[in-house]
Amino acid sequence: MTTHPERGSDTAPSPYRVALGDGVFDTTDLPRTLACELDRYERAILGLEAARQALDWPLFTDFAFARVQGDFCAEGIGELVQAVRDLHATGPAPQARLPVF
């Protein structure tokens, strides 16, 4: 796979990496439903991170478009990380009943 030659040159850590370092995604002592919710947020973040990395390629015909889409991915990652931090601060919203899958 061809990747951007300057990938990883950004010295600022991503919000996700900072959150990992802070233990935000540690589900060890959480109730099962909250742990599942955090796991789903983390999977969404990893998907956005993969999309952002795929868009970080300098040979796109419309490089400006790819960069904007990559920026949207980065913004989404930050918002999801904040949602997880908020869940730790406030706890999950009460739900009447969880669907069975």
N, C-alpha and C. Protein backbone atom coordinates (compact mmCIF):
# COMPACT_ATOMS: atom_id res chain seq x y z
N MET A 1 0.85 -1.17 0.00
CA MET A 1 0.00 0.00 0.00
C MET A 1 0.89 1.23 0.00
N THR A 2 0.56 2.19 -0.83
CA THR A 2 1.30 3.44 -0.87
C THR A 2 0.68 4.40 0.14
N THR A 3 1.51 4.96 0.99
CA THR A 3 1.01 5.90 1.99
C THR A 3 1.68 7.25 1.80
N HIS A 4 1.12 8.23 2.45
CA HIS A 4 1.65 9.58 2.40
C HIS A 4 3.04 9.59 3.02
N PRO A 5 4.03 10.15 2.36
CA PRO A 5 5.40 10.11 2.89
C PRO A 5 5.59 10.88 4.18
N GLU A 6 4.71 11.82 4.46
CA GLU A 6 4.87 12.62 5.66
C GLU A 6 3.93 12.18 6.78
N ARG A 7 3.28 11.03 6.62
CA ARG A 7 2.36 10.56 7.65
C ARG A 7 3.11 10.42 8.96
N GLY A 8 2.48 10.84 10.02
CA GLY A 8 3.12 10.74 11.32
C GLY A 8 4.03 11.92 11.64
N SER A 9 4.16 12.87 10.71
CA SER A 9 5.05 14.00 10.98
C SER A 9 4.37 15.06 11.85
N ASP A 10 3.06 14.97 11.99
CA ASP A 10 2.34 15.89 12.86
C ASP A 10 2.70 15.56 14.31
N THR A 11 3.26 16.53 15.02
CA THR A 11 3.73 16.26 16.37
C THR A 11 2.64 16.33 17.42
N ALA A 12 1.49 16.91 17.11
CA ALA A 12 0.41 17.00 18.08
C ALA A 12 -0.31 15.65 18.16
N PRO A 13 -0.45 15.12 19.39
CA PRO A 13 -1.15 13.83 19.52
C PRO A 13 -2.64 13.99 19.22
N SER A 14 -3.22 12.97 18.65
CA SER A 14 -4.65 13.02 18.33
C SER A 14 -5.47 12.94 19.61
N PRO A 15 -6.70 13.46 19.59
CA PRO A 15 -7.55 13.36 20.77
C PRO A 15 -7.75 11.90 21.21
N TYR A 16 -7.81 11.00 20.25
CA TYR A 16 -7.98 9.59 20.58
C TYR A 16 -6.75 9.05 21.32
N ARG A 17 -5.56 9.38 20.84
CA ARG A 17 -4.33 8.90 21.50
C ARG A 17 -4.22 9.48 22.92
N VAL A 18 -4.59 10.74 23.09
CA VAL A 18 -4.59 11.35 24.41
C VAL A 18 -5.58 10.63 25.32
N ALA A 19 -6.78 10.35 24.79
CA ALA A 19 -7.80 9.66 25.58
C ALA A 19 -7.33 8.26 25.98
N LEU A 20 -6.66 7.57 25.06
CA LEU A 20 -6.12 6.25 25.39
C LEU A 20 -5.13 6.37 26.55
N GLY A 21 -4.27 7.35 26.47
CA GLY A 21 -3.30 7.57 27.54
C GLY A 21 -3.95 7.91 28.87
N ASP A 22 -5.10 8.56 28.81
CA ASP A 22 -5.84 8.92 30.02
C ASP A 22 -6.68 7.77 30.56
N GLY A 23 -6.75 6.67 29.83
CA GLY A 23 -7.54 5.53 30.26
C GLY A 23 -9.04 5.66 30.00
N VAL A 24 -9.41 6.58 29.13
CA VAL A 24 -10.82 6.86 28.87
C VAL A 24 -11.56 5.65 28.28
N PHE A 25 -10.85 4.82 27.54
CA PHE A 25 -11.50 3.67 26.90
C PHE A 25 -11.34 2.38 27.69
N ASP A 26 -10.85 2.47 28.93
CA ASP A 26 -10.74 1.30 29.79
C ASP A 26 -12.13 0.98 30.34
N THR A 27 -12.61 -0.20 30.03
CA THR A 27 -13.96 -0.59 30.42
C THR A 27 -13.97 -1.60 31.57
N THR A 28 -12.85 -1.80 32.19
CA THR A 28 -12.70 -2.84 33.22
C THR A 28 -13.75 -2.75 34.32
N ASP A 29 -13.96 -1.60 34.89
CA ASP A 29 -14.86 -1.47 36.04
C ASP A 29 -16.20 -0.83 35.71
N LEU A 30 -16.57 -0.84 34.43
CA LEU A 30 -17.81 -0.19 34.02
C LEU A 30 -18.96 -1.20 33.94
N PRO A 31 -20.19 -0.73 34.13
CA PRO A 31 -21.33 -1.61 33.89
C PRO A 31 -21.32 -2.09 32.44
N ARG A 32 -21.86 -3.26 32.20
CA ARG A 32 -21.79 -3.90 30.88
C ARG A 32 -22.33 -3.01 29.76
N THR A 33 -23.48 -2.39 29.98
CA THR A 33 -24.07 -1.57 28.91
C THR A 33 -23.20 -0.36 28.59
N LEU A 34 -22.62 0.25 29.62
CA LEU A 34 -21.74 1.40 29.38
C LEU A 34 -20.45 0.94 28.68
N ALA A 35 -19.93 -0.20 29.08
CA ALA A 35 -18.73 -0.74 28.43
C ALA A 35 -19.01 -1.02 26.96
N CYS A 36 -20.16 -1.57 26.64
CA CYS A 36 -20.53 -1.82 25.24
C CYS A 36 -20.64 -0.52 24.46
N GLU A 37 -21.21 0.50 25.09
CA GLU A 37 -21.34 1.79 24.42
C GLU A 37 -19.97 2.39 24.12
N LEU A 38 -19.07 2.34 25.09
CA LEU A 38 -17.72 2.86 24.86
C LEU A 38 -17.00 2.07 23.77
N ASP A 39 -17.21 0.76 23.76
CA ASP A 39 -16.60 -0.08 22.72
C ASP A 39 -17.09 0.33 21.35
N ARG A 40 -18.37 0.62 21.21
CA ARG A 40 -18.91 1.04 19.91
C ARG A 40 -18.38 2.40 19.49
N TYR A 41 -18.27 3.32 20.44
CA TYR A 41 -17.66 4.61 20.12
C TYR A 41 -16.22 4.41 19.65
N GLU A 42 -15.49 3.54 20.34
CA GLU A 42 -14.09 3.32 19.96
C GLU A 42 -14.00 2.69 18.57
N ARG A 43 -14.87 1.77 18.25
CA ARG A 43 -14.86 1.17 16.91
C ARG A 43 -15.18 2.22 15.85
N ALA A 44 -16.10 3.12 16.15
CA ALA A 44 -16.41 4.21 15.20
C ALA A 44 -15.20 5.12 15.02
N ILE A 45 -14.50 5.42 16.11
CA ILE A 45 -13.31 6.25 16.03
C ILE A 45 -12.25 5.58 15.17
N LEU A 46 -12.04 4.29 15.37
CA LEU A 46 -11.04 3.56 14.57
C LEU A 46 -11.41 3.55 13.09
N GLY A 47 -12.70 3.45 12.79
CA GLY A 47 -13.15 3.52 11.40
C GLY A 47 -12.87 4.88 10.79
N LEU A 48 -13.16 5.93 11.54
CA LEU A 48 -12.88 7.28 11.05
C LEU A 48 -11.38 7.51 10.90
N GLU A 49 -10.60 6.94 11.81
CA GLU A 49 -9.15 7.08 11.71
C GLU A 49 -8.64 6.39 10.45
N ALA A 50 -9.18 5.22 10.12
CA ALA A 50 -8.78 4.51 8.90
C ALA A 50 -9.16 5.33 7.66
N ALA A 51 -10.36 5.92 7.67
CA ALA A 51 -10.78 6.75 6.55
C ALA A 51 -9.89 7.98 6.42
N ARG A 52 -9.57 8.61 7.54
CA ARG A 52 -8.71 9.79 7.52
C ARG A 52 -7.34 9.45 6.95
N GLN A 53 -6.79 8.34 7.36
CA GLN A 53 -5.48 7.93 6.86
C GLN A 53 -5.53 7.61 5.36
N ALA A 54 -6.61 6.98 4.92
CA ALA A 54 -6.75 6.67 3.50
C ALA A 54 -6.84 7.94 2.66
N LEU A 55 -7.45 8.97 3.21
CA LEU A 55 -7.59 10.24 2.48
C LEU A 55 -6.32 11.08 2.52
N ASP A 56 -5.38 10.71 3.35
CA ASP A 56 -4.12 11.45 3.48
C ASP A 56 -3.12 10.91 2.46
N TRP A 57 -3.42 11.15 1.21
CA TRP A 57 -2.60 10.68 0.09
C TRP A 57 -2.46 11.83 -0.89
N PRO A 58 -1.25 12.23 -1.25
CA PRO A 58 -1.06 13.46 -2.02
C PRO A 58 -1.39 13.35 -3.50
N LEU A 59 -1.75 12.19 -4.00
CA LEU A 59 -1.96 12.04 -5.44
C LEU A 59 -3.43 11.97 -5.86
N PHE A 60 -4.34 12.31 -4.95
CA PHE A 60 -5.74 12.37 -5.35
C PHE A 60 -5.91 13.43 -6.44
N THR A 61 -6.75 13.17 -7.43
CA THR A 61 -7.02 14.14 -8.48
C THR A 61 -7.55 15.44 -7.87
N ASP A 62 -8.47 15.28 -6.90
CA ASP A 62 -9.01 16.45 -6.20
C ASP A 62 -8.49 16.40 -4.76
N PHE A 63 -7.24 16.79 -4.61
CA PHE A 63 -6.59 16.71 -3.31
C PHE A 63 -7.29 17.59 -2.27
N ALA A 64 -7.77 18.76 -2.68
CA ALA A 64 -8.46 19.66 -1.74
C ALA A 64 -9.70 18.99 -1.17
N PHE A 65 -10.45 18.29 -2.01
CA PHE A 65 -11.64 17.58 -1.55
C PHE A 65 -11.25 16.49 -0.55
N ALA A 66 -10.22 15.71 -0.88
CA ALA A 66 -9.77 14.64 0.01
C ALA A 66 -9.32 15.21 1.36
N ARG A 67 -8.63 16.34 1.32
CA ARG A 67 -8.17 16.96 2.57
C ARG A 67 -9.37 17.40 3.42
N VAL A 68 -10.38 18.00 2.80
CA VAL A 68 -11.57 18.44 3.54
C VAL A 68 -12.26 17.23 4.18
N GLN A 69 -12.39 16.15 3.42
CA GLN A 69 -13.03 14.96 3.96
C GLN A 69 -12.22 14.37 5.12
N GLY A 70 -10.89 14.40 4.99
CA GLY A 70 -10.03 13.95 6.08
C GLY A 70 -10.19 14.82 7.32
N ASP A 71 -10.36 16.12 7.09
CA ASP A 71 -10.60 17.03 8.22
C ASP A 71 -11.93 16.73 8.90
N PHE A 72 -12.96 16.38 8.12
CA PHE A 72 -14.24 15.99 8.71
C PHE A 72 -14.07 14.75 9.58
N CYS A 73 -13.27 13.80 9.11
CA CYS A 73 -13.00 12.58 9.90
C CYS A 73 -12.32 12.95 11.22
N ALA A 74 -11.32 13.81 11.16
CA ALA A 74 -10.61 14.23 12.37
C ALA A 74 -11.55 14.94 13.34
N GLU A 75 -12.43 15.77 12.81
CA GLU A 75 -13.40 16.46 13.65
C GLU A 75 -14.34 15.47 14.32
N GLY A 76 -14.80 14.49 13.55
CA GLY A 76 -15.68 13.45 14.10
C GLY A 76 -15.00 12.66 15.19
N ILE A 77 -13.74 12.36 15.02
CA ILE A 77 -12.98 11.64 16.05
C ILE A 77 -12.97 12.46 17.34
N GLY A 78 -12.69 13.73 17.23
CA GLY A 78 -12.67 14.59 18.41
C GLY A 78 -14.02 14.64 19.11
N GLU A 79 -15.08 14.71 18.34
CA GLU A 79 -16.42 14.76 18.93
C GLU A 79 -16.78 13.45 19.61
N LEU A 80 -16.40 12.33 19.02
CA LEU A 80 -16.67 11.03 19.64
C LEU A 80 -15.86 10.86 20.93
N VAL A 81 -14.62 11.29 20.92
CA VAL A 81 -13.81 11.22 22.14
C VAL A 81 -14.46 12.06 23.24
N GLN A 82 -14.93 13.24 22.88
CA GLN A 82 -15.59 14.09 23.88
C GLN A 82 -16.86 13.44 24.41
N ALA A 83 -17.60 12.77 23.54
CA ALA A 83 -18.82 12.07 23.99
C ALA A 83 -18.47 10.99 25.01
N VAL A 84 -17.37 10.28 24.80
CA VAL A 84 -16.94 9.25 25.75
C VAL A 84 -16.51 9.89 27.06
N ARG A 85 -15.78 10.99 26.98
CA ARG A 85 -15.39 11.69 28.21
C ARG A 85 -16.64 12.16 28.97
N ASP A 86 -17.63 12.66 28.25
CA ASP A 86 -18.88 13.09 28.88
C ASP A 86 -19.60 11.93 29.55
N LEU A 87 -19.59 10.75 28.91
CA LEU A 87 -20.21 9.58 29.52
C LEU A 87 -19.54 9.23 30.85
N HIS A 88 -18.24 9.33 30.90
CA HIS A 88 -17.54 9.06 32.16
C HIS A 88 -17.94 10.07 33.22
N ALA A 89 -18.15 11.30 32.81
CA ALA A 89 -18.48 12.36 33.77
C ALA A 89 -19.91 12.28 34.27
N THR A 90 -20.83 11.92 33.38
CA THR A 90 -22.25 11.96 33.76
C THR A 90 -22.91 10.60 33.85
N GLY A 91 -22.32 9.59 33.26
CA GLY A 91 -22.96 8.28 33.21
C GLY A 91 -23.93 8.22 32.05
N PRO A 92 -24.35 7.03 31.70
CA PRO A 92 -25.27 6.88 30.56
C PRO A 92 -26.66 7.41 30.88
N ALA A 93 -27.37 7.82 29.84
CA ALA A 93 -28.76 8.25 30.02
C ALA A 93 -29.59 7.02 30.34
N PRO A 94 -30.56 7.15 31.25
CA PRO A 94 -31.39 5.98 31.56
C PRO A 94 -32.18 5.54 30.35
N GLN A 95 -32.30 4.24 30.18
CA GLN A 95 -33.06 3.69 29.07
C GLN A 95 -34.13 2.77 29.62
N ALA A 96 -35.28 2.78 28.98
CA ALA A 96 -36.38 1.94 29.45
C ALA A 96 -36.02 0.47 29.30
N ARG A 97 -35.56 0.08 28.13
CA ARG A 97 -35.23 -1.32 27.89
C ARG A 97 -34.33 -1.41 26.68
N LEU A 98 -33.31 -2.23 26.77
CA LEU A 98 -32.42 -2.41 25.65
C LEU A 98 -32.99 -3.46 24.71
N PRO A 99 -32.88 -3.23 23.41
CA PRO A 99 -33.35 -4.23 22.45
C PRO A 99 -32.46 -5.47 22.52
N VAL A 100 -33.05 -6.60 22.23
CA VAL A 100 -32.30 -7.85 22.21
C VAL A 100 -31.98 -8.16 20.77
N PHE A 101 -30.70 -8.41 20.50
CA PHE A 101 -30.27 -8.69 19.15
C PHE A 101 -29.90 -10.14 19.02
